[in-house]
N, C-alpha and C. Protein backbone atom coordinates (compact mmCIF):
# COMPACT_ATOMS: atom_id res chain seq x y z
N MET A 1 7.57 1.22 -10.37
CA MET A 1 6.62 1.16 -11.27
C MET A 1 6.00 -0.09 -10.29
N PRO A 2 4.74 0.25 -10.66
CA PRO A 2 3.73 -1.00 -9.64
C PRO A 2 4.00 -2.61 -10.58
N ARG A 3 4.24 -3.51 -10.14
CA ARG A 3 3.62 -5.02 -10.28
C ARG A 3 2.65 -5.19 -10.73
N GLN A 4 2.57 -6.10 -11.73
CA GLN A 4 1.00 -6.62 -12.88
C GLN A 4 -0.29 -6.55 -11.49
N GLN A 5 0.39 -7.42 -10.21
CA GLN A 5 -0.76 -8.00 -9.37
C GLN A 5 -1.53 -6.49 -8.68
N GLU A 6 -0.41 -5.42 -8.87
CA GLU A 6 -0.76 -4.07 -8.00
C GLU A 6 -2.18 -3.40 -9.03
N VAL A 7 -1.25 -3.60 -10.28
CA VAL A 7 -2.19 -2.75 -11.66
C VAL A 7 -3.66 -3.34 -10.99
N ILE A 8 -3.94 -4.85 -10.91
CA ILE A 8 -4.87 -5.68 -10.98
C ILE A 8 -6.09 -4.88 -9.87
N SER A 9 -5.10 -5.06 -8.64
CA SER A 9 -5.69 -4.64 -7.21
C SER A 9 -6.09 -3.43 -7.59
N ARG A 10 -5.57 -2.02 -7.90
CA ARG A 10 -5.56 -1.14 -8.05
C ARG A 10 -7.08 -0.94 -9.31
N LYS A 11 -7.13 -1.72 -10.69
CA LYS A 11 -8.36 -1.10 -11.03
C LYS A 11 -9.61 -1.67 -9.94
N VAL A 12 -9.60 -2.90 -9.35
CA VAL A 12 -10.42 -3.49 -9.16
C VAL A 12 -10.98 -2.52 -7.60
N PHE A 13 -9.97 -1.59 -7.02
CA PHE A 13 -9.84 -0.52 -5.75
C PHE A 13 -10.84 0.40 -6.48
N ASP A 14 -10.64 1.01 -8.09
CA ASP A 14 -10.95 1.99 -8.22
C ASP A 14 -12.67 1.69 -8.23
N LYS A 15 -13.00 0.73 -9.28
CA LYS A 15 -13.81 0.17 -9.29
C LYS A 15 -15.10 0.04 -8.00
N LEU A 16 -14.68 -0.63 -7.46
CA LEU A 16 -15.53 -0.30 -5.89
C LEU A 16 -15.67 1.09 -5.52
N LYS A 17 -15.08 1.95 -5.60
CA LYS A 17 -14.78 3.43 -4.93
C LYS A 17 -16.16 3.75 -6.10
N ALA A 18 -16.19 3.87 -7.34
CA ALA A 18 -16.86 4.09 -8.48
C ALA A 18 -18.02 3.72 -8.22
N GLU A 19 -18.26 2.50 -7.77
CA GLU A 19 -19.40 1.61 -7.78
C GLU A 19 -20.55 2.34 -6.82
N ASP A 20 -19.62 2.52 -5.48
CA ASP A 20 -20.82 2.90 -4.24
C ASP A 20 -19.32 3.63 -3.20
N PRO A 21 -19.42 5.00 -4.09
CA PRO A 21 -18.55 5.74 -3.00
C PRO A 21 -18.84 5.92 -1.38
N ALA A 22 -20.43 5.60 -1.06
CA ALA A 22 -20.37 5.89 0.36
C ALA A 22 -19.85 4.50 1.32
N LYS A 23 -20.40 3.02 0.68
CA LYS A 23 -20.07 2.20 1.00
C LYS A 23 -18.64 2.23 1.43
N TRP A 24 -17.59 2.52 0.13
CA TRP A 24 -16.33 2.12 0.20
C TRP A 24 -15.65 3.05 0.73
N ALA A 25 -16.20 4.12 0.87
CA ALA A 25 -15.68 5.43 1.77
C ALA A 25 -14.15 5.87 2.48
N ASN A 26 -14.61 4.45 3.52
CA ASN A 26 -12.90 3.94 4.27
C ASN A 26 -12.02 3.58 3.79
N LEU A 27 -12.31 2.86 2.46
CA LEU A 27 -11.46 1.62 2.14
C LEU A 27 -10.39 3.02 1.23
N ARG A 28 -8.85 2.23 1.73
CA ARG A 28 -7.74 3.09 1.48
C ARG A 28 -7.12 2.18 0.75
N PHE A 29 -5.98 2.39 -0.16
CA PHE A 29 -5.28 1.46 -1.08
C PHE A 29 -3.88 2.19 -0.64
N LEU A 30 -2.57 1.39 -0.36
CA LEU A 30 -1.50 1.56 -0.73
C LEU A 30 -0.65 0.60 -1.27
N SER A 31 -0.08 1.53 -2.38
CA SER A 31 0.70 0.86 -2.96
C SER A 31 1.59 0.26 -2.52
N GLY A 32 2.00 -0.75 -3.27
CA GLY A 32 3.61 -1.59 -2.84
C GLY A 32 5.04 -0.42 -3.48
N VAL A 33 4.75 0.27 -4.77
CA VAL A 33 5.86 0.74 -4.91
C VAL A 33 6.13 1.95 -3.70
N ASP A 34 5.33 2.33 -2.93
CA ASP A 34 5.68 3.40 -2.16
C ASP A 34 6.35 2.62 -1.01
N GLN A 35 6.36 1.50 -0.28
CA GLN A 35 6.05 0.58 0.60
C GLN A 35 8.08 0.14 0.56
N LEU A 36 8.64 -0.18 -0.40
CA LEU A 36 9.95 -0.98 -0.41
C LEU A 36 10.90 -0.21 -1.55
N PRO A 37 12.12 0.14 -0.95
CA PRO A 37 12.96 0.49 -2.69
C PRO A 37 12.92 -0.68 -3.45
N ASN A 38 13.50 -0.30 -4.71
CA ASN A 38 14.15 -0.65 -5.89
C ASN A 38 14.88 -1.58 -5.67
N ASN A 39 15.83 -2.47 -4.70
CA ASN A 39 16.50 -3.12 -4.52
C ASN A 39 15.94 -4.62 -3.78
N SER A 40 17.31 -5.69 -3.82
CA SER A 40 16.57 -6.74 -3.59
C SER A 40 17.52 -7.00 -1.85
N ASP A 41 17.95 -6.06 -1.68
CA ASP A 41 18.51 -5.89 0.26
C ASP A 41 16.69 -5.96 0.78
N CYS A 42 15.73 -5.54 0.37
CA CYS A 42 14.95 -5.63 1.72
C CYS A 42 13.81 -6.55 1.10
N THR A 43 13.80 -7.72 0.39
CA THR A 43 12.46 -8.69 0.06
C THR A 43 13.91 -10.31 -0.24
N THR A 44 13.02 -10.99 0.42
CA THR A 44 13.58 -12.49 0.25
C THR A 44 13.67 -13.04 -1.02
N ASP A 45 12.60 -12.95 -1.71
CA ASP A 45 12.07 -13.28 -3.15
C ASP A 45 12.29 -11.97 -4.07
N HIS A 46 12.21 -10.88 -3.97
CA HIS A 46 12.29 -9.89 -4.81
C HIS A 46 10.67 -9.81 -5.04
N CYS A 47 10.09 -9.96 -3.70
CA CYS A 47 8.60 -9.89 -3.70
C CYS A 47 8.32 -10.04 -2.15
N HIS A 48 8.53 -11.06 -1.60
CA HIS A 48 8.39 -10.89 -0.12
C HIS A 48 9.14 -10.16 0.93
N PRO A 49 9.09 -9.29 1.76
CA PRO A 49 9.73 -8.04 2.45
C PRO A 49 10.39 -9.12 3.58
N ASN A 50 12.07 -8.70 3.50
CA ASN A 50 12.24 -9.71 4.65
C ASN A 50 12.38 -8.31 6.31
N VAL A 51 13.35 -8.78 7.23
CA VAL A 51 13.05 -7.65 8.42
C VAL A 51 13.71 -6.10 7.67
N TYR A 52 14.68 -6.54 6.91
CA TYR A 52 14.99 -5.08 6.74
C TYR A 52 13.66 -4.36 5.86
N GLY A 53 12.98 -4.97 4.69
CA GLY A 53 12.14 -4.47 4.29
C GLY A 53 10.71 -3.85 4.61
N PHE A 54 10.97 -4.50 5.81
CA PHE A 54 9.63 -4.36 6.88
C PHE A 54 9.54 -2.90 7.79
N MET A 55 11.14 -2.29 8.21
CA MET A 55 11.52 -0.92 8.25
C MET A 55 11.18 -0.15 7.24
N TYR A 56 11.16 -0.51 6.33
CA TYR A 56 10.74 0.79 5.13
C TYR A 56 8.99 0.83 5.11
N MET A 57 8.25 -0.08 5.58
CA MET A 57 6.77 -0.78 5.05
C MET A 57 6.66 0.09 6.40
N ALA A 58 7.29 0.17 8.12
CA ALA A 58 6.30 0.55 8.48
C ALA A 58 5.92 1.80 8.71
N PRO A 59 6.67 2.90 8.15
CA PRO A 59 6.28 4.67 8.17
C PRO A 59 4.97 4.78 7.24
N VAL A 60 5.18 3.50 6.20
CA VAL A 60 4.10 4.20 5.07
C VAL A 60 2.72 3.53 5.87
N TYR A 61 2.86 2.34 6.53
CA TYR A 61 1.61 2.03 6.87
C TYR A 61 0.75 2.93 8.34
N ALA A 62 2.56 3.42 9.02
CA ALA A 62 2.06 4.63 10.04
C ALA A 62 1.18 5.86 9.31
N LYS A 63 1.77 5.94 8.60
CA LYS A 63 0.82 7.15 8.13
C LYS A 63 0.12 7.36 7.87
N ALA A 64 -0.53 6.06 6.83
CA ALA A 64 -1.79 5.60 6.33
C ALA A 64 -3.00 5.38 7.71
N VAL A 65 -2.60 4.90 8.89
CA VAL A 65 -3.27 4.80 9.92
C VAL A 65 -3.53 6.12 10.79
N ARG A 66 -2.28 7.09 11.09
CA ARG A 66 -2.35 8.44 11.17
C ARG A 66 -4.13 9.46 10.47
N GLU A 67 -3.87 8.82 8.96
CA GLU A 67 -4.53 9.82 8.20
C GLU A 67 -6.40 9.42 8.77
N ILE A 68 -6.12 7.90 8.54
CA ILE A 68 -7.30 7.18 8.99
C ILE A 68 -8.25 7.67 10.34
N LEU A 69 -6.83 7.83 10.71
CA LEU A 69 -7.79 7.82 12.19
C LEU A 69 -8.11 9.11 12.67
N GLY A 70 -7.52 10.29 11.68
CA GLY A 70 -7.91 11.48 12.00
C GLY A 70 -6.41 12.47 12.82
N LEU A 71 -5.52 11.56 13.17
CA LEU A 71 -4.28 11.97 13.66
C LEU A 71 -3.04 12.99 13.16
N SER A 72 -2.89 14.16 13.70
CA SER A 72 -1.82 14.85 12.58
C SER A 72 -0.63 13.95 13.48
N ARG A 73 0.71 14.05 12.72
CA ARG A 73 1.75 14.63 12.90
C ARG A 73 2.91 14.78 11.94
């Protein structure tokens, strides 16, 4: 379940994309829900990732970068 900050960020993202789709065509949104499992082992304070958390985040970012660059894998 997304945190309140992510819900607000998503609304801003959706608003930008709706107002000027051409200008924001390359803007991407990565959900925090997809980045970390729901346990405290991956964060220092239930918010900020630790080294273990970054191991979970890396594949999410790598996939997004590959998609943006048009690379398949």
